[in-house]
């Protein structure tokens, strides 16, 4: 499944980003932020269990928006509180925009 979006300077191949790419990006982002191995990130665990405060959550969504080339509602982490659910939601957005 691909995410439909606009091209950005930081990601000229944004229209070819898959949900698997987004999930891998989120795992990598959290692992780097928490200074742990990506293998220790469970995509089914809530973001708040990783100690993500509101400032870190906004930064994550902002960086993710740049990566995929489209705006993401700031409430998304509340409604889709795991990597797995957020990735699925973003994949569903792609289907709506076609």
PDB file of N, CA and C in Angstrom:
ATOM      1  N   UNK A   1       0.836  -1.169   0.000  1.00  0.00           N
ATOM      2  CA  UNK A   1       0.000   0.000   0.000  1.00  0.00           C
ATOM      3  C   UNK A   1       0.886   1.240   0.000  1.00  0.00           C
ATOM      4  N   UNK A   2       0.590   2.206  -0.848  1.00  0.00           N
ATOM      5  CA  UNK A   2       1.389   3.417  -0.936  1.00  0.00           C
ATOM      6  C   UNK A   2       0.634   4.600  -0.377  1.00  0.00           C
ATOM      7  N   UNK A   3       1.389   5.566   0.149  1.00  0.00           N
ATOM      8  CA  UNK A   3       0.794   6.787   0.677  1.00  0.00           C
ATOM      9  C   UNK A   3       0.807   7.831  -0.441  1.00  0.00           C
ATOM     10  N   UNK A   4      -0.348   8.390  -0.763  1.00  0.00           N
ATOM     11  CA  UNK A   4      -0.467   9.455  -1.746  1.00  0.00           C
ATOM     12  C   UNK A   4      -0.140  10.776  -1.069  1.00  0.00           C
ATOM     13  N   UNK A   5       0.792  11.532  -1.615  1.00  0.00           N
ATOM     14  CA  UNK A   5       1.150  12.793  -0.979  1.00  0.00           C
ATOM     15  C   UNK A   5       1.893  13.691  -1.937  1.00  0.00           C
ATOM     16  N   UNK A   6       2.239  14.850  -1.441  1.00  0.00           N
ATOM     17  CA  UNK A   6       2.982  15.808  -2.230  1.00  0.00           C
ATOM     18  C   UNK A   6       4.475  15.581  -2.056  1.00  0.00           C
ATOM     19  N   UNK A   7       5.253  15.921  -3.065  1.00  0.00           N
ATOM     20  CA  UNK A   7       6.695  15.764  -2.982  1.00  0.00           C
ATOM     21  C   UNK A   7       7.280  16.853  -2.099  1.00  0.00           C
ATOM     22  N   UNK A   8       8.239  16.482  -1.265  1.00  0.00           N
ATOM     23  CA  UNK A   8       8.916  17.432  -0.400  1.00  0.00           C
ATOM     24  C   UNK A   8      10.388  17.444  -0.724  1.00  0.00           C
ATOM     25  N   UNK A   9      11.088  18.480  -0.282  1.00  0.00           N
ATOM     26  CA  UNK A   9      12.523  18.554  -0.504  1.00  0.00           C
ATOM     27  C   UNK A   9      13.250  17.391   0.141  1.00  0.00           C
ATOM     28  N   UNK A  10      12.816  16.979   1.328  1.00  0.00           N
ATOM     29  CA  UNK A  10      13.527  15.947   2.057  1.00  0.00           C
ATOM     30  C   UNK A  10      13.241  14.546   1.534  1.00  0.00           C
ATOM     31  N   UNK A  11      12.184  14.370   0.767  1.00  0.00           N
ATOM     32  CA  UNK A  11      11.852  13.043   0.266  1.00  0.00           C
ATOM     33  C   UNK A  11      11.221  13.173  -1.112  1.00  0.00           C
ATOM     34  N   UNK A  12      12.053  13.154  -2.135  1.00  0.00           N
ATOM     35  CA  UNK A  12      11.554  13.332  -3.495  1.00  0.00           C
ATOM     36  C   UNK A  12      10.797  12.122  -4.005  1.00  0.00           C
ATOM     37  N   UNK A  13      10.896  10.974  -3.327  1.00  0.00           N
ATOM     38  CA  UNK A  13      10.157   9.779  -3.725  1.00  0.00           C
ATOM     39  C   UNK A  13       8.985   9.531  -2.786  1.00  0.00           C
ATOM     40  N   UNK A  14       8.398  10.584  -2.243  1.00  0.00           N
ATOM     41  CA  UNK A  14       7.350  10.454  -1.241  1.00  0.00           C
ATOM     42  C   UNK A  14       6.175   9.629  -1.733  1.00  0.00           C
ATOM     43  N   UNK A  15       5.816   9.729  -3.009  1.00  0.00           N
ATOM     44  CA  UNK A  15       4.658   8.999  -3.503  1.00  0.00           C
ATOM     45  C   UNK A  15       4.885   7.498  -3.542  1.00  0.00           C
ATOM     46  N   UNK A  16       6.109   7.039  -3.358  1.00  0.00           N
ATOM     47  CA  UNK A  16       6.373   5.604  -3.375  1.00  0.00           C
ATOM     48  C   UNK A  16       6.582   5.033  -1.974  1.00  0.00           C
ATOM     49  N   UNK A  17       6.255   5.786  -0.947  1.00  0.00           N
ATOM     50  CA  UNK A  17       6.403   5.317   0.432  1.00  0.00           C
ATOM     51  C   UNK A  17       5.281   4.334   0.752  1.00  0.00           C
ATOM     52  N   UNK A  18       5.660   3.175   1.255  1.00  0.00           N
ATOM     53  CA  UNK A  18       4.674   2.159   1.634  1.00  0.00           C
ATOM     54  C   UNK A  18       4.397   2.245   3.130  1.00  0.00           C
ATOM     55  N   UNK A  19       3.350   1.578   3.567  1.00  0.00           N
ATOM     56  CA  UNK A  19       3.067   1.531   4.996  1.00  0.00           C
ATOM     57  C   UNK A  19       4.199   0.815   5.735  1.00  0.00           C
ATOM     58  N   UNK A  20       4.822  -0.146   5.067  1.00  0.00           N
ATOM     59  CA  UNK A  20       5.972  -0.829   5.678  1.00  0.00           C
ATOM     60  C   UNK A  20       7.128   0.148   5.888  1.00  0.00           C
ATOM     61  N   UNK A  21       7.329   1.062   4.929  1.00  0.00           N
ATOM     62  CA  UNK A  21       8.362   2.095   5.069  1.00  0.00           C
ATOM     63  C   UNK A  21       8.057   2.997   6.263  1.00  0.00           C
ATOM     64  N   UNK A  22       6.798   3.368   6.401  1.00  0.00           N
ATOM     65  CA  UNK A  22       6.399   4.244   7.507  1.00  0.00           C
ATOM     66  C   UNK A  22       6.616   3.542   8.838  1.00  0.00           C
ATOM     67  N   UNK A  23       6.229   2.280   8.909  1.00  0.00           N
ATOM     68  CA  UNK A  23       6.423   1.539  10.154  1.00  0.00           C
ATOM     69  C   UNK A  23       7.909   1.437  10.488  1.00  0.00           C
ATOM     70  N   UNK A  24       8.734   1.145   9.503  1.00  0.00           N
ATOM     71  CA  UNK A  24      10.182   1.053   9.739  1.00  0.00           C
ATOM     72  C   UNK A  24      10.740   2.402  10.173  1.00  0.00           C
ATOM     73  N   UNK A  25      10.239   3.488   9.571  1.00  0.00           N
ATOM     74  CA  UNK A  25      10.701   4.832   9.935  1.00  0.00           C
ATOM     75  C   UNK A  25      10.340   5.125  11.387  1.00  0.00           C
ATOM     76  N   UNK A  26       9.118   4.810  11.779  1.00  0.00           N
ATOM     77  CA  UNK A  26       8.673   5.054  13.158  1.00  0.00           C
ATOM     78  C   UNK A  26       9.498   4.252  14.160  1.00  0.00           C
ATOM     79  N   UNK A  27       9.766   2.995  13.857  1.00  0.00           N
ATOM     80  CA  UNK A  27      10.584   2.158  14.740  1.00  0.00           C
ATOM     81  C   UNK A  27      11.974   2.766  14.876  1.00  0.00           C
ATOM     82  N   UNK A  28      12.557   3.138  13.761  1.00  0.00           N
ATOM     83  CA  UNK A  28      13.894   3.735  13.775  1.00  0.00           C
ATOM     84  C   UNK A  28      13.912   5.055  14.549  1.00  0.00           C
ATOM     85  N   UNK A  29      12.893   5.874  14.332  1.00  0.00           N
ATOM     86  CA  UNK A  29      12.794   7.172  14.997  1.00  0.00           C
ATOM     87  C   UNK A  29      12.731   6.999  16.512  1.00  0.00           C
ATOM     88  N   UNK A  30      11.832   6.114  16.972  1.00  0.00           N
ATOM     89  CA  UNK A  30      11.695   5.887  18.409  1.00  0.00           C
ATOM     90  C   UNK A  30      12.965   5.285  19.011  1.00  0.00           C
ATOM     91  N   UNK A  31      13.552   4.349  18.299  1.00  0.00           N
ATOM     92  CA  UNK A  31      14.778   3.723  18.798  1.00  0.00           C
ATOM     93  C   UNK A  31      15.887   4.762  18.964  1.00  0.00           C
ATOM     94  N   UNK A  32      16.021   5.638  17.987  1.00  0.00           N
ATOM     95  CA  UNK A  32      17.036   6.685  18.075  1.00  0.00           C
ATOM     96  C   UNK A  32      16.722   7.653  19.207  1.00  0.00           C
ATOM     97  N   UNK A  33      15.474   8.054  19.310  1.00  0.00           N
ATOM     98  CA  UNK A  33      15.054   8.975  20.364  1.00  0.00           C
ATOM     99  C   UNK A  33      15.316   8.399  21.754  1.00  0.00           C
ATOM    100  N   UNK A  34      15.034   7.125  21.921  1.00  0.00           N
ATOM    101  CA  UNK A  34      15.170   6.463  23.219  1.00  0.00           C
ATOM    102  C   UNK A  34      16.556   5.857  23.443  1.00  0.00           C
ATOM    103  N   UNK A  35      17.376   5.928  22.399  1.00  0.00           N
ATOM    104  CA  UNK A  35      18.731   5.372  22.448  1.00  0.00           C
ATOM    105  C   UNK A  35      18.712   3.886  22.806  1.00  0.00           C
ATOM    106  N   UNK A  36      17.853   3.151  22.090  1.00  0.00           N
ATOM    107  CA  UNK A  36      17.771   1.704  22.257  1.00  0.00           C
ATOM    108  C   UNK A  36      17.806   1.051  20.875  1.00  0.00           C
ATOM    109  N   UNK A  37      17.968  -0.239  20.862  1.00  0.00           N
ATOM    110  CA  UNK A  37      17.985  -1.007  19.615  1.00  0.00           C
ATOM    111  C   UNK A  37      16.585  -1.030  19.000  1.00  0.00           C
ATOM    112  N   UNK A  38      16.488  -0.900  17.664  1.00  0.00           N
ATOM    113  CA  UNK A  38      15.168  -0.983  17.017  1.00  0.00           C
ATOM    114  C   UNK A  38      14.432  -2.290  17.327  1.00  0.00           C
ATOM    115  N   UNK A  39      15.166  -3.354  17.590  1.00  0.00           N
ATOM    116  CA  UNK A  39      14.548  -4.633  17.918  1.00  0.00           C
ATOM    117  C   UNK A  39      13.766  -4.581  19.231  1.00  0.00           C
ATOM    118  N   UNK A  40      14.051  -3.598  20.078  1.00  0.00           N
ATOM    119  CA  UNK A  40      13.354  -3.470  21.356  1.00  0.00           C
ATOM    120  C   UNK A  40      12.047  -2.679  21.235  1.00  0.00           C
ATOM    121  N   UNK A  41      11.773  -2.158  20.059  1.00  0.00           N
ATOM    122  CA  UNK A  41      10.532  -1.420  19.834  1.00  0.00           C
ATOM    123  C   UNK A  41       9.455  -2.403  19.391  1.00  0.00           C
ATOM    124  N   UNK A  42       8.361  -2.447  20.141  1.00  0.00           N
ATOM    125  CA  UNK A  42       7.218  -3.305  19.814  1.00  0.00           C
ATOM    126  C   UNK A  42       6.156  -2.428  19.170  1.00  0.00           C
ATOM    127  N   UNK A  43       5.795  -2.721  17.941  1.00  0.00           N
ATOM    128  CA  UNK A  43       4.842  -1.881  17.208  1.00  0.00           C
ATOM    129  C   UNK A  43       3.436  -1.926  17.792  1.00  0.00           C
ATOM    130  N   UNK A  44       3.184  -2.850  18.725  1.00  0.00           N
ATOM    131  CA  UNK A  44       1.860  -2.967  19.337  1.00  0.00           C
ATOM    132  C   UNK A  44       1.781  -2.317  20.715  1.00  0.00           C
ATOM    133  N   UNK A  45       2.878  -1.716  21.160  1.00  0.00           N
ATOM    134  CA  UNK A  45       2.924  -1.053  22.466  1.00  0.00           C
ATOM    135  C   UNK A  45       2.588   0.427  22.290  1.00  0.00           C
ATOM    136  N   UNK A  46       1.768   0.966  23.183  1.00  0.00           N
ATOM    137  CA  UNK A  46       1.385   2.383  23.107  1.00  0.00           C
ATOM    138  C   UNK A  46       2.603   3.303  23.200  1.00  0.00           C
ATOM    139  N   UNK A  47       2.522   4.403  22.449  1.00  0.00           N
ATOM    140  CA  UNK A  47       3.604   5.381  22.457  1.00  0.00           C
ATOM    141  C   UNK A  47       3.908   5.866  23.870  1.00  0.00           C
ATOM    142  N   UNK A  48       2.879   6.057  24.693  1.00  0.00           N
ATOM    143  CA  UNK A  48       3.119   6.576  26.043  1.00  0.00           C
ATOM    144  C   UNK A  48       3.920   5.607  26.908  1.00  0.00           C
ATOM    145  N   UNK A  49       3.892   4.329  26.595  1.00  0.00           N
ATOM    146  CA  UNK A  49       4.694   3.348  27.334  1.00  0.00           C
ATOM    147  C   UNK A  49       6.182   3.559  27.085  1.00  0.00           C
ATOM    148  N   UNK A  50       6.503   4.230  25.990  1.00  0.00           N
ATOM    149  CA  UNK A  50       7.906   4.550  25.686  1.00  0.00           C
ATOM    150  C   UNK A  50       8.312   5.901  26.280  1.00  0.00           C
ATOM    151  N   UNK A  51       7.410   6.497  27.053  1.00  0.00           N
ATOM    152  CA  UNK A  51       7.732   7.754  27.710  1.00  0.00           C
ATOM    153  C   UNK A  51       7.659   8.966  26.793  1.00  0.00           C
ATOM    154  N   UNK A  52       6.908   8.865  25.721  1.00  0.00           N
ATOM    155  CA  UNK A  52       6.778   9.961  24.770  1.00  0.00           C
ATOM    156  C   UNK A  52       5.883  11.042  25.366  1.00  0.00           C
ATOM    157  N   UNK A  53       6.456  12.199  25.676  1.00  0.00           N
ATOM    158  CA  UNK A  53       5.642  13.300  26.191  1.00  0.00           C
ATOM    159  C   UNK A  53       5.047  14.074  25.017  1.00  0.00           C
ATOM    160  N   UNK A  54       4.228  15.073  25.315  1.00  0.00           N
ATOM    161  CA  UNK A  54       3.529  15.797  24.248  1.00  0.00           C
ATOM    162  C   UNK A  54       4.493  16.502  23.299  1.00  0.00           C
ATOM    163  N   UNK A  55       5.568  17.040  23.820  1.00  0.00           N
ATOM    164  CA  UNK A  55       6.552  17.719  22.976  1.00  0.00           C
ATOM    165  C   UNK A  55       7.217  16.729  22.010  1.00  0.00           C
ATOM    166  N   UNK A  56       7.605  15.572  22.520  1.00  0.00           N
ATOM    167  CA  UNK A  56       8.226  14.550  21.668  1.00  0.00           C
ATOM    168  C   UNK A  56       7.221  14.018  20.645  1.00  0.00           C
ATOM    169  N   UNK A  57       5.957  13.900  21.050  1.00  0.00           N
ATOM    170  CA  UNK A  57       4.921  13.414  20.139  1.00  0.00           C
ATOM    171  C   UNK A  57       4.710  14.394  18.980  1.00  0.00           C
ATOM    172  N   UNK A  58       4.675  15.680  19.283  1.00  0.00           N
ATOM    173  CA  UNK A  58       4.517  16.692  18.239  1.00  0.00           C
ATOM    174  C   UNK A  58       5.717  16.679  17.302  1.00  0.00           C
ATOM    175  N   UNK A  59       6.904  16.536  17.855  1.00  0.00           N
ATOM    176  CA  UNK A  59       8.115  16.455  17.020  1.00  0.00           C
ATOM    177  C   UNK A  59       8.073  15.237  16.110  1.00  0.00           C
ATOM    178  N   UNK A  60       7.651  14.110  16.680  1.00  0.00           N
ATOM    179  CA  UNK A  60       7.552  12.885  15.891  1.00  0.00           C
ATOM    180  C   UNK A  60       6.589  13.083  14.724  1.00  0.00           C
ATOM    181  N   UNK A  61       5.397  13.621  15.009  1.00  0.00           N
ATOM    182  CA  UNK A  61       4.413  13.834  13.944  1.00  0.00           C
ATOM    183  C   UNK A  61       4.888  14.838  12.914  1.00  0.00           C
ATOM    184  N   UNK A  62       5.569  15.867  13.362  1.00  0.00           N
ATOM    185  CA  UNK A  62       6.106  16.858  12.433  1.00  0.00           C
ATOM    186  C   UNK A  62       7.143  16.234  11.500  1.00  0.00           C
ATOM    187  N   UNK A  63       8.056  15.472  12.073  1.00  0.00           N
ATOM    188  CA  UNK A  63       9.088  14.812  11.262  1.00  0.00           C
ATOM    189  C   UNK A  63       8.472  13.762  10.342  1.00  0.00           C
ATOM    190  N   UNK A  64       7.475  13.040  10.836  1.00  0.00           N
ATOM    191  CA  UNK A  64       6.791  12.048  10.011  1.00  0.00           C
ATOM    192  C   UNK A  64       6.056  12.725   8.857  1.00  0.00           C
ATOM    193  N   UNK A  65       5.436  13.865   9.123  1.00  0.00           N
ATOM    194  CA  UNK A  65       4.752  14.626   8.066  1.00  0.00           C
ATOM    195  C   UNK A  65       5.714  15.005   6.951  1.00  0.00           C
ATOM    196  N   UNK A  66       6.901  15.443   7.339  1.00  0.00           N
ATOM    197  CA  UNK A  66       7.916  15.789   6.343  1.00  0.00           C
ATOM    198  C   UNK A  66       8.321  14.532   5.564  1.00  0.00           C
ATOM    199  N   UNK A  67       8.520  13.436   6.276  1.00  0.00           N
ATOM    200  CA  UNK A  67       8.937  12.183   5.634  1.00  0.00           C
ATOM    201  C   UNK A  67       7.929  11.705   4.592  1.00  0.00           C
ATOM    202  N   UNK A  68       6.634  11.729   4.944  1.00  0.00           N
ATOM    203  CA  UNK A  68       5.643  11.222   3.998  1.00  0.00           C
ATOM    204  C   UNK A  68       5.091  12.303   3.072  1.00  0.00           C
ATOM    205  N   UNK A  69       5.358  13.560   3.396  1.00  0.00           N
ATOM    206  CA  UNK A  69       4.961  14.647   2.507  1.00  0.00           C
ATOM    207  C   UNK A  69       3.517  15.078   2.617  1.00  0.00           C
ATOM    208  N   UNK A  70       2.892  14.841   3.764  1.00  0.00           N
ATOM    209  CA  UNK A  70       1.526  15.335   3.968  1.00  0.00           C
ATOM    210  C   UNK A  70       1.306  15.620   5.450  1.00  0.00           C
ATOM    211  N   UNK A  71       0.349  16.488   5.716  1.00  0.00           N
ATOM    212  CA  UNK A  71       0.056  16.851   7.103  1.00  0.00           C
ATOM    213  C   UNK A  71      -0.610  15.693   7.843  1.00  0.00           C
ATOM    214  N   UNK A  72      -0.282  15.581   9.119  1.00  0.00           N
ATOM    215  CA  UNK A  72      -0.894  14.571   9.974  1.00  0.00           C
ATOM    216  C   UNK A  72      -1.535  15.306  11.145  1.00  0.00           C
ATOM    217  N   UNK A  73      -2.780  14.999  11.412  1.00  0.00           N
ATOM    218  CA  UNK A  73      -3.518  15.612  12.511  1.00  0.00           C
ATOM    219  C   UNK A  73      -2.781  15.366  13.829  1.00  0.00           C
ATOM    220  N   UNK A  74      -2.540  16.411  14.622  1.00  0.00           N
ATOM    221  CA  UNK A  74      -1.840  16.245  15.901  1.00  0.00           C
ATOM    222  C   UNK A  74      -2.535  15.280  16.867  1.00  0.00           C
ATOM    223  N   UNK A  75      -3.827  15.064  16.697  1.00  0.00           N
ATOM    224  CA  UNK A  75      -4.554  14.125  17.550  1.00  0.00           C
ATOM    225  C   UNK A  75      -4.345  12.666  17.144  1.00  0.00           C
ATOM    226  N   UNK A  76      -3.617  12.432  16.065  1.00  0.00           N
ATOM    227  CA  UNK A  76      -3.447  11.077  15.545  1.00  0.00           C
ATOM    228  C   UNK A  76      -2.857  10.115  16.565  1.00  0.00           C
ATOM    229  N   UNK A  77      -1.895  10.571  17.355  1.00  0.00           N
ATOM    230  CA  UNK A  77      -1.293   9.665  18.335  1.00  0.00           C
ATOM    231  C   UNK A  77      -2.267   9.308  19.450  1.00  0.00           C
ATOM    232  N   UNK A  78      -3.221  10.168  19.697  1.00  0.00           N
ATOM    233  CA  UNK A  78      -4.260   9.868  20.689  1.00  0.00           C
ATOM    234  C   UNK A  78      -5.212   8.797  20.143  1.00  0.00           C
ATOM    235  N   UNK A  79      -5.614   8.971  18.893  1.00  0.00           N
ATOM    236  CA  UNK A  79      -6.563   8.049  18.274  1.00  0.00           C
ATOM    237  C   UNK A  79      -5.910   6.751  17.800  1.00  0.00           C
ATOM    238  N   UNK A  80      -4.635   6.817  17.465  1.00  0.00           N
ATOM    239  CA  UNK A  80      -3.882   5.660  16.944  1.00  0.00           C
ATOM    240  C   UNK A  80      -2.601   5.549  17.766  1.00  0.00           C
ATOM    241  N   UNK A  81      -2.686   5.020  18.995  1.00  0.00           N
ATOM    242  CA  UNK A  81      -1.609   5.133  19.977  1.00  0.00           C
ATOM    243  C   UNK A  81      -0.446   4.149  19.847  1.00  0.00           C
ATOM    244  N   UNK A  82      -0.428   3.353  18.784  1.00  0.00           N
ATOM    245  CA  UNK A  82       0.708   2.441  18.586  1.00  0.00           C
ATOM    246  C   UNK A  82       1.267   2.657  17.180  1.00  0.00           C
ATOM    247  N   UNK A  83       2.461   2.195  16.968  1.00  0.00           N
ATOM    248  CA  UNK A  83       3.054   2.279  15.632  1.00  0.00           C
ATOM    249  C   UNK A  83       2.180   1.519  14.637  1.00  0.00           C
ATOM    250  N   UNK A  84       1.749   0.346  15.029  1.00  0.00           N
ATOM    251  CA  UNK A  84       0.930  -0.487  14.146  1.00  0.00           C
ATOM    252  C   UNK A  84      -0.371   0.229  13.745  1.00  0.00           C
ATOM    253  N   UNK A  85      -1.061   0.795  14.715  1.00  0.00           N
ATOM    254  CA  UNK A  85      -2.348   1.459  14.428  1.00  0.00           C
ATOM    255  C   UNK A  85      -2.155   2.756  13.647  1.00  0.00           C
ATOM    256  N   UNK A  86      -1.121   3.533  13.981  1.00  0.00           N
ATOM    257  CA  UNK A  86      -0.856   4.770  13.245  1.00  0.00           C
ATOM    258  C   UNK A  86      -0.501   4.453  11.790  1.00  0.00           C
ATOM    259  N   UNK A  87       0.301   3.442  11.593  1.00  0.00           N
ATOM    260  CA  UNK A  87       0.679   3.040  10.234  1.00  0.00           C
ATOM    261  C   UNK A  87      -0.544   2.592   9.440  1.00  0.00           C
ATOM    262  N   UNK A  88      -1.410   1.803  10.077  1.00  0.00           N
ATOM    263  CA  UNK A  88      -2.637   1.340   9.411  1.00  0.00           C
ATOM    264  C   UNK A  88      -3.520   2.531   9.032  1.00  0.00           C
ATOM    265  N   UNK A  89      -3.656   3.490   9.954  1.00  0.00           N
ATOM    266  CA  UNK A  89      -4.442   4.699   9.691  1.00  0.00           C
ATOM    267  C   UNK A  89      -3.885   5.463   8.488  1.00  0.00           C
ATOM    268  N   UNK A  90      -2.580   5.645   8.449  1.00  0.00           N
ATOM    269  CA  UNK A  90      -1.968   6.376   7.331  1.00  0.00           C
ATOM    270  C   UNK A  90      -2.171   5.631   6.017  1.00  0.00           C
ATOM    271  N   UNK A  91      -2.166   4.324   6.076  1.00  0.00           N
ATOM    272  CA  UNK A  91      -2.463   3.524   4.883  1.00  0.00           C
ATOM    273  C   UNK A  91      -3.894   3.705   4.423  1.00  0.00           C
ATOM    274  N   UNK A  92      -4.826   3.813   5.362  1.00  0.00           N
ATOM    275  CA  UNK A  92      -6.221   4.044   5.034  1.00  0.00           C
ATOM    276  C   UNK A  92      -6.419   5.428   4.435  1.00  0.00           C
ATOM    277  N   UNK A  93      -5.661   6.407   4.881  1.00  0.00           N
ATOM    278  CA  UNK A  93      -5.732   7.755   4.306  1.00  0.00           C
ATOM    279  C   UNK A  93      -5.416   7.707   2.818  1.00  0.00           C
ATOM    280  N   UNK A  94      -4.433   6.896   2.467  1.00  0.00           N
ATOM    281  CA  UNK A  94      -4.031   6.752   1.073  1.00  0.00           C
ATOM    282  C   UNK A  94      -5.197   6.273   0.239  1.00  0.00           C
ATOM    283  N   UNK A  95      -5.952   5.310   0.749  1.00  0.00           N
ATOM    284  CA  UNK A  95      -7.092   4.790   0.003  1.00  0.00           C
ATOM    285  C   UNK A  95      -8.170   5.847  -0.205  1.00  0.00           C
ATOM    286  N   UNK A  96      -8.363   6.722   0.770  1.00  0.00           N
ATOM    287  CA  UNK A  96      -9.382   7.771   0.681  1.00  0.00           C
ATOM    288  C   UNK A  96      -8.981   8.823  -0.338  1.00  0.00           C
ATOM    289  N   UNK A  97      -7.674   9.117  -0.470  1.00  0.00           N
ATOM    290  CA  UNK A  97      -7.236  10.198  -1.349  1.00  0.00           C
ATOM    291  C   UNK A  97      -7.106   9.784  -2.803  1.00  0.00           C
ATOM    292  N   UNK A  98      -7.289   8.510  -3.112  1.00  0.00           N
ATOM    293  CA  UNK A  98      -7.176   8.074  -4.521  1.00  0.00           C
ATOM    294  C   UNK A  98      -8.361   8.473  -5.339  1.00  0.00           C
TER     295      UNK A  98
END
